[in-house]
Amino acid sequence: MAVKYDKLWDILKERNMMKTKLVHAAKISNNAMAKQKRTRMSDSKSS
């Protein structure tokens, strides 16, 4: 089952929040964010 992060990216945009701030606020690693970004990029290519 694929996970979609579209709502997350929309919320970040609405709140004028950068991904680096999300990384710090959520206490996740930069690698985890990069993986989500890669997933987003590959999903957009397959659409």
C-alpha atoms as a PDB file:
ATOM      1  CA  MET A   1       0.000   0.000   0.000  1.00  0.00           C
ATOM      2  CA  ALA A   2       1.445   3.334  -1.070  1.00  0.00           C
ATOM      3  CA  VAL A   3       1.604   6.253   1.311  1.00  0.00           C
ATOM      4  CA  LYS A   4       0.805   9.698  -0.070  1.00  0.00           C
ATOM      5  CA  TYR A   5       2.138  12.842   1.548  1.00  0.00           C
ATOM      6  CA  ASP A   6       0.174  15.355  -0.550  1.00  0.00           C
ATOM      7  CA  LYS A   7      -1.833  16.639   2.432  1.00  0.00           C
ATOM      8  CA  LEU A   8       1.358  17.096   4.434  1.00  0.00           C
ATOM      9  CA  TRP A   9       2.964  19.195   1.699  1.00  0.00           C
ATOM     10  CA  ASP A  10      -0.248  21.262   1.433  1.00  0.00           C
ATOM     11  CA  ILE A  11      -0.293  21.910   5.186  1.00  0.00           C
ATOM     12  CA  LEU A  12       3.370  22.942   5.123  1.00  0.00           C
ATOM     13  CA  LYS A  13       2.607  25.383   2.322  1.00  0.00           C
ATOM     14  CA  GLU A  14      -0.425  26.811   4.164  1.00  0.00           C
ATOM     15  CA  ARG A  15       1.614  27.370   7.325  1.00  0.00           C
ATOM     16  CA  ASN A  16       4.614  28.758   5.426  1.00  0.00           C
ATOM     17  CA  MET A  17       6.713  26.063   7.077  1.00  0.00           C
ATOM     18  CA  MET A  18       9.899  24.760   5.537  1.00  0.00           C
ATOM     19  CA  LYS A  19      10.712  21.064   5.485  1.00  0.00           C
ATOM     20  CA  THR A  20      13.731  21.644   7.714  1.00  0.00           C
ATOM     21  CA  LYS A  21      11.445  23.088  10.413  1.00  0.00           C
ATOM     22  CA  LEU A  22       9.238  20.015  10.101  1.00  0.00           C
ATOM     23  CA  VAL A  23      12.265  17.772  10.580  1.00  0.00           C
ATOM     24  CA  HIS A  24      13.127  19.561  13.829  1.00  0.00           C
ATOM     25  CA  ALA A  25       9.521  19.789  15.080  1.00  0.00           C
ATOM     26  CA  ALA A  26       8.748  16.132  14.357  1.00  0.00           C
ATOM     27  CA  LYS A  27      12.183  14.979  15.545  1.00  0.00           C
ATOM     28  CA  ILE A  28      12.771  12.902  12.433  1.00  0.00           C
ATOM     29  CA  SER A  29      16.028  12.462  10.609  1.00  0.00           C
ATOM     30  CA  ASN A  30      17.014  14.262   7.440  1.00  0.00           C
ATOM     31  CA  ASN A  31      17.194  10.836   5.803  1.00  0.00           C
ATOM     32  CA  ALA A  32      13.530  10.171   6.606  1.00  0.00           C
ATOM     33  CA  MET A  33      12.525  13.464   4.982  1.00  0.00           C
ATOM     34  CA  ALA A  34      14.676  12.751   1.947  1.00  0.00           C
ATOM     35  CA  LYS A  35      13.018   9.362   1.563  1.00  0.00           C
ATOM     36  CA  GLN A  36       9.578  10.999   1.617  1.00  0.00           C
ATOM     37  CA  LYS A  37      10.726  13.507  -0.963  1.00  0.00           C
ATOM     38  CA  ARG A  38      12.056  10.724  -3.219  1.00  0.00           C
ATOM     39  CA  THR A  39       8.742   8.897  -2.840  1.00  0.00           C
ATOM     40  CA  ARG A  40       6.908  12.055  -3.873  1.00  0.00           C
ATOM     41  CA  MET A  41       9.136  12.504  -6.901  1.00  0.00           C
ATOM     42  CA  SER A  42       8.709   8.922  -8.065  1.00  0.00           C
ATOM     43  CA  ASP A  43       4.931   9.109  -7.555  1.00  0.00           C
ATOM     44  CA  SER A  44       4.689  12.230  -9.725  1.00  0.00           C
ATOM     45  CA  LYS A  45       6.678  10.531 -12.497  1.00  0.00           C
ATOM     46  CA  SER A  46       4.405   7.502 -12.520  1.00  0.00           C
ATOM     47  CA  SER A  47       1.222   9.627 -12.723  1.00  0.00           C
END
